Amino acid sequence: MKGALSLLLCLFAGAAVADDAVYRYTDANGVVHYSDRAPDRHAKPIRLGPLATSTPTRHAMFYSPEVLRAAARFAVRVESPTPDQRIEAGRAPLVAAASVMPALVQGFHLVYQVDGHAVTSGPVDALSIQLPSLAAGSHALQIVLLDEHGAEVARSTPANFQIAGTRLASGAPKQP
């Protein structure tokens, strides 16, 4: 019996909420008021038009491979080391950094190449990595963007940089 009474009460409460009305009235002092209860039996509810709303954009919508591939052309750029940067040998850590436009999406990977050879055991999804020790001299860093199937989507322009040899106190280059 209590269950049936509770159900009946919920039905009436739901009907009352569904019949919400807003009343506008002006008091004796000329002040406009709004209420969910009619101040007298002559009050009439105001009609509200449909509210202008928008659906929040889902994060996944922007970064899904399908949406990005259809919307834009991908580009990859070497951010570090900068072109023609001179780096002292033994300076640790030597970091390679990339930027991907419009974004590095889930399932896409990067291949970091120094002098045409990959420096990681496989494609990575990191926008920066620590490079292994490099011999003194000029080097070129290039970054390749691969899609979820391993196909090349974009390739950066090579960034040439120099690793300077260590010097002795006299200023002469150290010989190996």
N, C-alpha and C. Protein backbone atom coordinates (compact mmCIF):
# COMPACT_ATOMS: atom_id res chain seq x y z
N MET A 1 0.81 -1.19 0.00
CA MET A 1 0.00 0.00 0.00
C MET A 1 0.86 1.26 0.00
N LYS A 2 1.95 1.24 0.82
CA LYS A 2 2.84 2.41 0.86
C LYS A 2 3.49 2.64 -0.50
N GLY A 3 3.82 1.54 -1.17
CA GLY A 3 4.44 1.64 -2.49
C GLY A 3 3.50 2.30 -3.49
N ALA A 4 2.24 1.93 -3.46
CA ALA A 4 1.25 2.52 -4.38
C ALA A 4 1.04 3.99 -4.06
N LEU A 5 1.01 4.33 -2.77
CA LEU A 5 0.86 5.73 -2.37
C LEU A 5 2.06 6.56 -2.83
N SER A 6 3.26 6.01 -2.66
CA SER A 6 4.48 6.71 -3.10
C SER A 6 4.47 6.92 -4.60
N LEU A 7 4.04 5.91 -5.34
CA LEU A 7 3.97 6.02 -6.79
C LEU A 7 2.98 7.09 -7.20
N LEU A 8 1.82 7.13 -6.56
CA LEU A 8 0.80 8.13 -6.86
C LEU A 8 1.31 9.53 -6.54
N LEU A 9 2.01 9.68 -5.42
CA LEU A 9 2.57 10.97 -5.03
C LEU A 9 3.61 11.43 -6.06
N CYS A 10 4.45 10.52 -6.52
CA CYS A 10 5.46 10.87 -7.54
C CYS A 10 4.81 11.30 -8.84
N LEU A 11 3.73 10.64 -9.23
CA LEU A 11 3.04 11.02 -10.46
C LEU A 11 2.47 12.42 -10.37
N PHE A 12 1.85 12.75 -9.24
CA PHE A 12 1.29 14.10 -9.07
C PHE A 12 2.40 15.15 -8.99
N ALA A 13 3.50 14.82 -8.32
CA ALA A 13 4.62 15.76 -8.23
C ALA A 13 5.21 15.99 -9.61
N GLY A 14 5.32 14.95 -10.42
CA GLY A 14 5.83 15.09 -11.79
C GLY A 14 4.92 15.95 -12.63
N ALA A 15 3.61 15.79 -12.47
CA ALA A 15 2.66 16.61 -13.23
C ALA A 15 2.75 18.06 -12.82
N ALA A 16 2.98 18.31 -11.53
CA ALA A 16 3.08 19.69 -11.06
C ALA A 16 4.34 20.35 -11.62
N VAL A 17 5.43 19.61 -11.68
CA VAL A 17 6.67 20.17 -12.21
C VAL A 17 6.54 20.41 -13.71
N ALA A 18 5.88 19.51 -14.41
CA ALA A 18 5.74 19.64 -15.85
C ALA A 18 4.85 20.82 -16.22
N ASP A 19 3.98 21.27 -15.30
CA ASP A 19 3.07 22.37 -15.58
C ASP A 19 3.61 23.68 -15.02
N ASP A 20 4.92 23.82 -14.90
CA ASP A 20 5.50 25.05 -14.38
C ASP A 20 5.12 26.22 -15.27
N ALA A 21 4.72 27.29 -14.63
CA ALA A 21 4.38 28.52 -15.35
C ALA A 21 5.07 29.67 -14.65
N VAL A 22 5.34 30.71 -15.39
CA VAL A 22 5.94 31.92 -14.82
C VAL A 22 4.92 33.04 -14.97
N TYR A 23 4.68 33.72 -13.86
CA TYR A 23 3.72 34.82 -13.85
C TYR A 23 4.45 36.13 -13.67
N ARG A 24 4.00 37.14 -14.40
CA ARG A 24 4.56 38.49 -14.29
C ARG A 24 3.45 39.37 -13.76
N TYR A 25 3.79 40.13 -12.74
CA TYR A 25 2.79 41.06 -12.21
C TYR A 25 3.49 42.30 -11.68
N THR A 26 2.74 43.37 -11.59
CA THR A 26 3.25 44.65 -11.10
C THR A 26 2.54 44.95 -9.78
N ASP A 27 3.31 45.25 -8.75
CA ASP A 27 2.70 45.54 -7.45
C ASP A 27 2.19 46.98 -7.40
N ALA A 28 1.66 47.39 -6.26
CA ALA A 28 1.07 48.72 -6.09
C ALA A 28 2.09 49.83 -6.27
N ASN A 29 3.37 49.55 -6.06
CA ASN A 29 4.43 50.55 -6.21
C ASN A 29 4.98 50.60 -7.64
N GLY A 30 4.47 49.78 -8.52
CA GLY A 30 4.91 49.78 -9.91
C GLY A 30 6.12 48.90 -10.17
N VAL A 31 6.50 48.09 -9.20
CA VAL A 31 7.65 47.20 -9.35
C VAL A 31 7.19 45.90 -10.00
N VAL A 32 7.92 45.47 -11.04
CA VAL A 32 7.58 44.24 -11.75
C VAL A 32 8.20 43.06 -11.02
N HIS A 33 7.39 42.01 -10.85
CA HIS A 33 7.84 40.79 -10.19
C HIS A 33 7.55 39.60 -11.09
N TYR A 34 8.32 38.55 -10.90
CA TYR A 34 8.10 37.28 -11.58
C TYR A 34 7.96 36.21 -10.51
N SER A 35 7.04 35.29 -10.73
CA SER A 35 6.80 34.26 -9.73
C SER A 35 6.31 32.98 -10.41
N ASP A 36 6.48 31.87 -9.71
CA ASP A 36 5.95 30.62 -10.22
C ASP A 36 4.55 30.35 -9.65
N ARG A 37 4.04 31.29 -8.86
CA ARG A 37 2.69 31.20 -8.31
C ARG A 37 1.91 32.45 -8.69
N ALA A 38 0.68 32.26 -9.07
CA ALA A 38 -0.16 33.40 -9.44
C ALA A 38 -0.49 34.22 -8.19
N PRO A 39 -0.25 35.54 -8.23
CA PRO A 39 -0.53 36.37 -7.05
C PRO A 39 -2.04 36.52 -6.80
N ASP A 40 -2.85 36.42 -7.84
CA ASP A 40 -4.31 36.46 -7.69
C ASP A 40 -4.93 35.64 -8.80
N ARG A 41 -6.24 35.49 -8.76
CA ARG A 41 -6.89 34.60 -9.72
C ARG A 41 -6.95 35.20 -11.12
N HIS A 42 -6.65 36.48 -11.28
CA HIS A 42 -6.70 37.12 -12.59
C HIS A 42 -5.33 37.09 -13.31
N ALA A 43 -4.29 36.65 -12.61
CA ALA A 43 -2.95 36.62 -13.21
C ALA A 43 -2.89 35.57 -14.31
N LYS A 44 -2.19 35.93 -15.36
CA LYS A 44 -2.03 35.00 -16.49
C LYS A 44 -0.53 34.70 -16.66
N PRO A 45 -0.23 33.46 -17.00
CA PRO A 45 1.19 33.14 -17.19
C PRO A 45 1.74 33.81 -18.44
N ILE A 46 3.04 34.11 -18.38
CA ILE A 46 3.69 34.66 -19.58
C ILE A 46 4.17 33.49 -20.42
N ARG A 47 4.26 33.73 -21.70
CA ARG A 47 4.72 32.67 -22.60
C ARG A 47 6.19 32.90 -22.92
N LEU A 48 6.96 31.89 -22.69
CA LEU A 48 8.39 31.96 -23.00
C LEU A 48 8.63 31.20 -24.29
N GLY A 49 9.31 31.85 -25.21
CA GLY A 49 9.65 31.18 -26.46
C GLY A 49 10.74 30.16 -26.22
N PRO A 50 11.08 29.42 -27.24
CA PRO A 50 12.15 28.44 -27.07
C PRO A 50 13.46 29.15 -26.74
N LEU A 51 14.19 28.58 -25.82
CA LEU A 51 15.46 29.17 -25.41
C LEU A 51 16.53 28.86 -26.44
N ALA A 52 17.38 29.84 -26.69
CA ALA A 52 18.50 29.63 -27.61
C ALA A 52 19.58 28.88 -26.85
N THR A 53 19.82 27.67 -27.24
CA THR A 53 20.83 26.86 -26.57
C THR A 53 21.79 26.31 -27.60
N SER A 54 22.90 25.85 -27.11
CA SER A 54 23.85 25.18 -27.99
C SER A 54 24.34 23.93 -27.27
N THR A 55 24.69 22.97 -28.04
CA THR A 55 25.21 21.73 -27.48
C THR A 55 26.71 21.88 -27.32
N PRO A 56 27.25 21.59 -26.14
CA PRO A 56 28.69 21.70 -25.97
C PRO A 56 29.42 20.78 -26.95
N THR A 57 30.52 21.27 -27.48
CA THR A 57 31.31 20.48 -28.41
C THR A 57 32.09 19.44 -27.64
N ARG A 58 32.06 18.24 -28.12
CA ARG A 58 32.81 17.17 -27.47
C ARG A 58 34.27 17.26 -27.87
N HIS A 59 35.15 17.04 -26.89
CA HIS A 59 36.59 17.09 -27.12
C HIS A 59 37.01 16.09 -28.20
N ALA A 60 36.46 14.91 -28.15
CA ALA A 60 36.86 13.86 -29.09
C ALA A 60 36.52 14.24 -30.52
N MET A 61 35.50 15.07 -30.70
CA MET A 61 35.11 15.46 -32.05
C MET A 61 36.24 16.22 -32.76
N PHE A 62 36.96 17.06 -32.02
CA PHE A 62 38.01 17.86 -32.62
C PHE A 62 39.26 17.04 -32.93
N TYR A 63 39.52 16.02 -32.13
CA TYR A 63 40.78 15.32 -32.28
C TYR A 63 40.65 13.93 -32.88
N SER A 64 39.51 13.61 -33.44
CA SER A 64 39.39 12.30 -34.08
C SER A 64 40.12 12.35 -35.42
N PRO A 65 40.78 11.28 -35.80
CA PRO A 65 41.52 11.27 -37.06
C PRO A 65 40.63 11.57 -38.26
N GLU A 66 39.40 11.08 -38.23
CA GLU A 66 38.50 11.28 -39.38
C GLU A 66 38.18 12.76 -39.58
N VAL A 67 37.84 13.45 -38.49
CA VAL A 67 37.48 14.86 -38.60
C VAL A 67 38.68 15.69 -39.02
N LEU A 68 39.82 15.45 -38.40
CA LEU A 68 41.01 16.24 -38.73
C LEU A 68 41.50 15.98 -40.15
N ARG A 69 41.47 14.73 -40.56
CA ARG A 69 41.93 14.41 -41.91
C ARG A 69 41.05 15.10 -42.94
N ALA A 70 39.75 15.12 -42.70
CA ALA A 70 38.82 15.75 -43.65
C ALA A 70 38.93 17.27 -43.61
N ALA A 71 39.29 17.82 -42.47
CA ALA A 71 39.26 19.27 -42.31
C ALA A 71 40.55 19.97 -42.72
N ALA A 72 41.66 19.33 -42.57
CA ALA A 72 42.92 20.06 -42.76
C ALA A 72 44.02 19.16 -43.29
N ARG A 73 45.04 19.82 -43.77
CA ARG A 73 46.24 19.13 -44.19
C ARG A 73 47.21 19.17 -43.02
N PHE A 74 47.85 18.07 -42.75
CA PHE A 74 48.77 18.00 -41.62
C PHE A 74 50.12 18.60 -41.98
N ALA A 75 50.77 19.16 -40.98
CA ALA A 75 52.12 19.69 -41.14
C ALA A 75 52.91 19.35 -39.88
N VAL A 76 54.19 19.05 -40.07
CA VAL A 76 55.08 18.74 -38.95
C VAL A 76 56.25 19.71 -39.02
N ARG A 77 56.68 20.19 -37.86
CA ARG A 77 57.80 21.12 -37.82
C ARG A 77 58.74 20.75 -36.68
N VAL A 78 60.03 20.88 -36.93
CA VAL A 78 61.03 20.67 -35.89
C VAL A 78 61.09 21.95 -35.05
N GLU A 79 60.88 21.81 -33.74
CA GLU A 79 60.94 22.96 -32.84
C GLU A 79 62.29 23.05 -32.14
N SER A 80 62.92 21.90 -31.92
CA SER A 80 64.21 21.88 -31.25
C SER A 80 64.96 20.64 -31.70
N PRO A 81 66.23 20.72 -32.01
CA PRO A 81 67.04 21.93 -32.04
C PRO A 81 66.64 22.83 -33.20
N THR A 82 66.90 24.10 -33.03
CA THR A 82 66.54 25.06 -34.06
C THR A 82 67.53 24.97 -35.22
N PRO A 83 67.12 25.36 -36.42
CA PRO A 83 68.03 25.30 -37.56
C PRO A 83 69.33 26.07 -37.30
N ASP A 84 70.43 25.44 -37.65
CA ASP A 84 71.78 26.00 -37.51
C ASP A 84 72.19 26.23 -36.05
N GLN A 85 71.52 25.59 -35.12
CA GLN A 85 71.90 25.72 -33.71
C GLN A 85 73.21 25.00 -33.48
N ARG A 86 74.07 25.58 -32.66
CA ARG A 86 75.35 24.98 -32.30
C ARG A 86 75.23 24.48 -30.87
N ILE A 87 75.47 23.19 -30.68
CA ILE A 87 75.30 22.56 -29.37
C ILE A 87 76.65 22.00 -28.93
N GLU A 88 77.02 22.31 -27.71
CA GLU A 88 78.29 21.81 -27.18
C GLU A 88 78.20 20.30 -26.96
N ALA A 89 79.23 19.58 -27.33
CA ALA A 89 79.26 18.12 -27.15
C ALA A 89 79.17 17.79 -25.67
N GLY A 90 78.47 16.74 -25.36
CA GLY A 90 78.34 16.31 -23.98
C GLY A 90 77.26 17.05 -23.20
N ARG A 91 76.67 18.03 -23.83
CA ARG A 91 75.59 18.76 -23.16
C ARG A 91 74.40 17.81 -23.04
N ALA A 92 73.92 17.62 -21.84
CA ALA A 92 72.83 16.66 -21.66
C ALA A 92 71.63 17.37 -21.06
N PRO A 93 70.47 16.97 -21.37
CA PRO A 93 70.12 16.09 -22.47
C PRO A 93 69.91 16.89 -23.75
N LEU A 94 70.12 16.25 -24.86
CA LEU A 94 69.84 16.85 -26.17
C LEU A 94 68.43 16.42 -26.54
N VAL A 95 67.52 17.38 -26.60
CA VAL A 95 66.10 17.08 -26.81
C VAL A 95 65.68 17.48 -28.21
N ALA A 96 64.95 16.58 -28.85
CA ALA A 96 64.32 16.89 -30.13
C ALA A 96 62.84 17.13 -29.84
N ALA A 97 62.30 18.21 -30.37
CA ALA A 97 60.88 18.53 -30.15
C ALA A 97 60.21 18.83 -31.47
N ALA A 98 58.94 18.45 -31.56
CA ALA A 98 58.17 18.64 -32.79
C ALA A 98 56.85 19.32 -32.48
N SER A 99 56.27 19.93 -33.51
CA SER A 99 54.89 20.40 -33.41
C SER A 99 54.15 19.84 -34.61
N VAL A 100 52.89 19.47 -34.38
CA VAL A 100 52.05 18.91 -35.43
C VAL A 100 50.81 19.78 -35.54
N MET A 101 50.53 20.19 -36.75
CA MET A 101 49.34 21.00 -36.98
C MET A 101 48.38 20.22 -37.85
N PRO A 102 47.10 20.14 -37.58
CA PRO A 102 46.42 20.84 -36.51
C PRO A 102 46.62 20.21 -35.14
N ALA A 103 46.93 18.92 -35.04
CA ALA A 103 47.19 18.28 -33.74
C ALA A 103 47.70 16.87 -33.99
N LEU A 104 48.36 16.32 -32.98
CA LEU A 104 48.77 14.92 -33.02
C LEU A 104 47.60 14.11 -32.47
N VAL A 105 46.89 13.43 -33.34
CA VAL A 105 45.67 12.73 -32.94
C VAL A 105 45.97 11.31 -32.48
N GLN A 106 45.02 10.75 -31.76
CA GLN A 106 45.17 9.39 -31.27
C GLN A 106 45.34 8.44 -32.45
N GLY A 107 46.33 7.58 -32.34
CA GLY A 107 46.60 6.62 -33.40
C GLY A 107 47.69 7.08 -34.36
N PHE A 108 48.01 8.37 -34.37
CA PHE A 108 49.09 8.88 -35.22
C PHE A 108 50.39 8.80 -34.43
N HIS A 109 51.51 8.67 -35.15
CA HIS A 109 52.81 8.53 -34.49
C HIS A 109 53.86 9.35 -35.23
N LEU A 110 54.97 9.59 -34.53
CA LEU A 110 56.09 10.33 -35.11
C LEU A 110 57.31 9.43 -35.19
N VAL A 111 58.09 9.65 -36.23
CA VAL A 111 59.39 8.98 -36.37
C VAL A 111 60.42 10.10 -36.41
N TYR A 112 61.33 10.09 -35.43
CA TYR A 112 62.42 11.07 -35.38
C TYR A 112 63.62 10.47 -36.09
N GLN A 113 64.16 11.20 -37.07
CA GLN A 113 65.30 10.71 -37.84
C GLN A 113 66.45 11.71 -37.74
N VAL A 114 67.63 11.20 -37.41
CA VAL A 114 68.84 12.01 -37.43
C VAL A 114 69.71 11.46 -38.54
N ASP A 115 70.06 12.32 -39.46
CA ASP A 115 70.88 11.94 -40.62
C ASP A 115 70.25 10.77 -41.38
N GLY A 116 68.92 10.76 -41.48
CA GLY A 116 68.21 9.75 -42.26
C GLY A 116 67.93 8.45 -41.54
N HIS A 117 68.34 8.32 -40.28
CA HIS A 117 68.15 7.07 -39.53
C HIS A 117 67.25 7.34 -38.33
N ALA A 118 66.28 6.44 -38.11
CA ALA A 118 65.38 6.57 -36.96
C ALA A 118 66.17 6.45 -35.67
N VAL A 119 65.85 7.29 -34.69
CA VAL A 119 66.59 7.28 -33.42
C VAL A 119 65.82 6.54 -32.32
N THR A 120 64.61 6.09 -32.61
CA THR A 120 63.86 5.27 -31.65
C THR A 120 63.61 3.91 -32.28
N SER A 121 63.29 2.94 -31.45
CA SER A 121 63.09 1.58 -31.97
C SER A 121 61.83 1.46 -32.82
N GLY A 122 60.94 2.43 -32.71
CA GLY A 122 59.71 2.42 -33.50
C GLY A 122 59.05 3.78 -33.43
N PRO A 123 57.94 3.96 -34.12
CA PRO A 123 57.22 5.24 -34.06
C PRO A 123 56.76 5.52 -32.63
N VAL A 124 56.75 6.80 -32.27
CA VAL A 124 56.34 7.22 -30.92
C VAL A 124 55.22 8.25 -31.03
N ASP A 125 54.49 8.43 -29.94
CA ASP A 125 53.45 9.45 -29.94
C ASP A 125 53.83 10.64 -29.06
N ALA A 126 55.12 10.85 -28.86
CA ALA A 126 55.62 11.95 -28.03
C ALA A 126 56.06 13.11 -28.92
N LEU A 127 55.74 14.32 -28.48
CA LEU A 127 56.15 15.51 -29.23
C LEU A 127 57.58 15.92 -28.92
N SER A 128 58.22 15.26 -27.96
CA SER A 128 59.63 15.51 -27.70
C SER A 128 60.27 14.22 -27.18
N ILE A 129 61.52 14.04 -27.55
CA ILE A 129 62.28 12.88 -27.09
C ILE A 129 63.70 13.32 -26.80
N GLN A 130 64.42 12.52 -26.04
CA GLN A 130 65.83 12.77 -25.81
C GLN A 130 66.61 12.04 -26.89
N LEU A 131 67.47 12.77 -27.58
CA LEU A 131 68.28 12.17 -28.64
C LEU A 131 69.46 11.43 -28.02
N PRO A 132 69.93 10.39 -28.68
CA PRO A 132 71.13 9.71 -28.19
C PRO A 132 72.35 10.61 -28.41
N SER A 133 73.47 10.25 -27.82
CA SER A 133 74.71 11.01 -28.01
C SER A 133 75.07 11.01 -29.49
N LEU A 134 75.46 12.16 -29.99
CA LEU A 134 75.83 12.30 -31.39
C LEU A 134 77.28 12.73 -31.49
N ALA A 135 77.94 12.29 -32.54
CA ALA A 135 79.33 12.67 -32.78
C ALA A 135 79.40 14.15 -33.16
N ALA A 136 80.55 14.75 -32.93
CA ALA A 136 80.74 16.14 -33.31
C ALA A 136 80.57 16.27 -34.82
N GLY A 137 80.02 17.39 -35.25
CA GLY A 137 79.81 17.64 -36.66
C GLY A 137 78.40 18.09 -36.95
N SER A 138 78.09 18.17 -38.24
CA SER A 138 76.75 18.61 -38.67
C SER A 138 75.80 17.43 -38.72
N HIS A 139 74.58 17.68 -38.32
CA HIS A 139 73.53 16.65 -38.33
C HIS A 139 72.24 17.28 -38.84
N ALA A 140 71.35 16.43 -39.33
CA ALA A 140 70.04 16.89 -39.79
C ALA A 140 68.97 16.09 -39.07
N LEU A 141 68.02 16.80 -38.47
CA LEU A 141 66.89 16.16 -37.80
C LEU A 141 65.65 16.35 -38.67
N GLN A 142 64.96 15.26 -38.91
CA GLN A 142 63.71 15.32 -39.67
C GLN A 142 62.68 14.47 -38.93
N ILE A 143 61.43 14.92 -38.96
CA ILE A 143 60.36 14.21 -38.24
C ILE A 143 59.27 13.84 -39.23
N VAL A 144 58.84 12.58 -39.17
CA VAL A 144 57.83 12.06 -40.09
C VAL A 144 56.57 11.73 -39.28
N LEU A 145 55.41 12.17 -39.78
CA LEU A 145 54.13 11.87 -39.15
C LEU A 145 53.48 10.70 -39.88
N LEU A 146 53.12 9.67 -39.11
CA LEU A 146 52.47 8.48 -39.67
C LEU A 146 51.03 8.40 -39.16
N ASP A 147 50.12 7.96 -40.02
CA ASP A 147 48.73 7.79 -39.59
C ASP A 147 48.56 6.46 -38.87
N GLU A 148 47.32 6.13 -38.51
CA GLU A 148 47.06 4.91 -37.74
C GLU A 148 47.39 3.63 -38.51
N HIS A 149 47.57 3.73 -39.82
CA HIS A 149 47.92 2.56 -40.64
C HIS A 149 49.42 2.51 -40.96
N GLY A 150 50.18 3.47 -40.45
CA GLY A 150 51.61 3.52 -40.71
C GLY A 150 51.99 4.23 -41.99
N ALA A 151 51.01 4.84 -42.65
CA ALA A 151 51.29 5.58 -43.89
C ALA A 151 51.77 6.99 -43.55
N GLU A 152 52.75 7.47 -44.32
CA GLU A 152 53.27 8.82 -44.09
C GLU A 152 52.22 9.86 -44.45
N VAL A 153 51.99 10.78 -43.52
CA VAL A 153 51.02 11.85 -43.70
C VAL A 153 51.73 13.17 -43.97
N ALA A 154 52.84 13.40 -43.26
CA ALA A 154 53.59 14.64 -43.42
C ALA A 154 55.03 14.40 -42.99
N ARG A 155 55.91 15.28 -43.49
CA ARG A 155 57.34 15.20 -43.18
C ARG A 155 57.84 16.62 -42.97
N SER A 156 58.62 16.81 -41.92
CA SER A 156 59.16 18.15 -41.65
C SER A 156 60.30 18.47 -42.60
N THR A 157 60.59 19.73 -42.69
CA THR A 157 61.80 20.17 -43.38
C THR A 157 62.98 19.81 -42.48
N PRO A 158 64.07 19.28 -43.02
CA PRO A 158 65.20 18.94 -42.15
C PRO A 158 65.74 20.17 -41.43
N ALA A 159 66.04 20.00 -40.16
CA ALA A 159 66.66 21.06 -39.36
C ALA A 159 68.12 20.68 -39.17
N ASN A 160 69.01 21.44 -39.77
CA ASN A 160 70.44 21.18 -39.64
C ASN A 160 70.95 21.85 -38.38
N PHE A 161 71.78 21.12 -37.63
CA PHE A 161 72.38 21.65 -36.42
C PHE A 161 73.78 21.07 -36.28
N GLN A 162 74.60 21.70 -35.44
CA GLN A 162 75.98 21.26 -35.27
C GLN A 162 76.23 20.85 -33.83
N ILE A 163 76.98 19.77 -33.69
CA ILE A 163 77.49 19.37 -32.38
C ILE A 163 78.96 19.79 -32.38
N ALA A 164 79.28 20.69 -31.46
CA ALA A 164 80.66 21.20 -31.38
C ALA A 164 81.51 20.21 -30.60
N GLY A 165 82.76 20.01 -31.06
CA GLY A 165 83.69 19.13 -30.36
C GLY A 165 84.13 19.78 -29.06
N THR A 166 84.52 18.97 -28.09
CA THR A 166 85.01 19.52 -26.82
C THR A 166 86.38 20.11 -27.05
N ARG A 167 86.73 21.09 -26.28
CA ARG A 167 88.02 21.78 -26.44
C ARG A 167 88.86 21.61 -25.18
N LEU A 168 90.16 21.59 -25.39
CA LEU A 168 91.09 21.55 -24.26
C LEU A 168 91.23 22.95 -23.71
N ALA A 169 91.86 23.08 -22.57
CA ALA A 169 92.04 24.38 -21.93
C ALA A 169 92.80 25.34 -22.85
N SER A 170 93.70 24.83 -23.70
CA SER A 170 94.48 25.70 -24.58
C SER A 170 93.64 26.22 -25.74
N GLY A 171 92.44 25.65 -25.95
CA GLY A 171 91.60 26.09 -27.05
C GLY A 171 91.70 25.20 -28.27
N ALA A 172 92.63 24.23 -28.28
CA ALA A 172 92.75 23.33 -29.41
C ALA A 172 91.69 22.25 -29.31
N PRO A 173 91.12 21.83 -30.45
CA PRO A 173 90.11 20.77 -30.40
C PRO A 173 90.68 19.48 -29.84
N LYS A 174 89.89 18.76 -29.08
CA LYS A 174 90.30 17.49 -28.50
C LYS A 174 90.30 16.43 -29.59
N GLN A 175 91.38 15.68 -29.69
CA GLN A 175 91.51 14.62 -30.69
C GLN A 175 91.09 13.29 -30.06
N PRO A 176 90.27 12.50 -30.74
CA PRO A 176 89.88 11.20 -30.18
C PRO A 176 91.01 10.21 -30.17
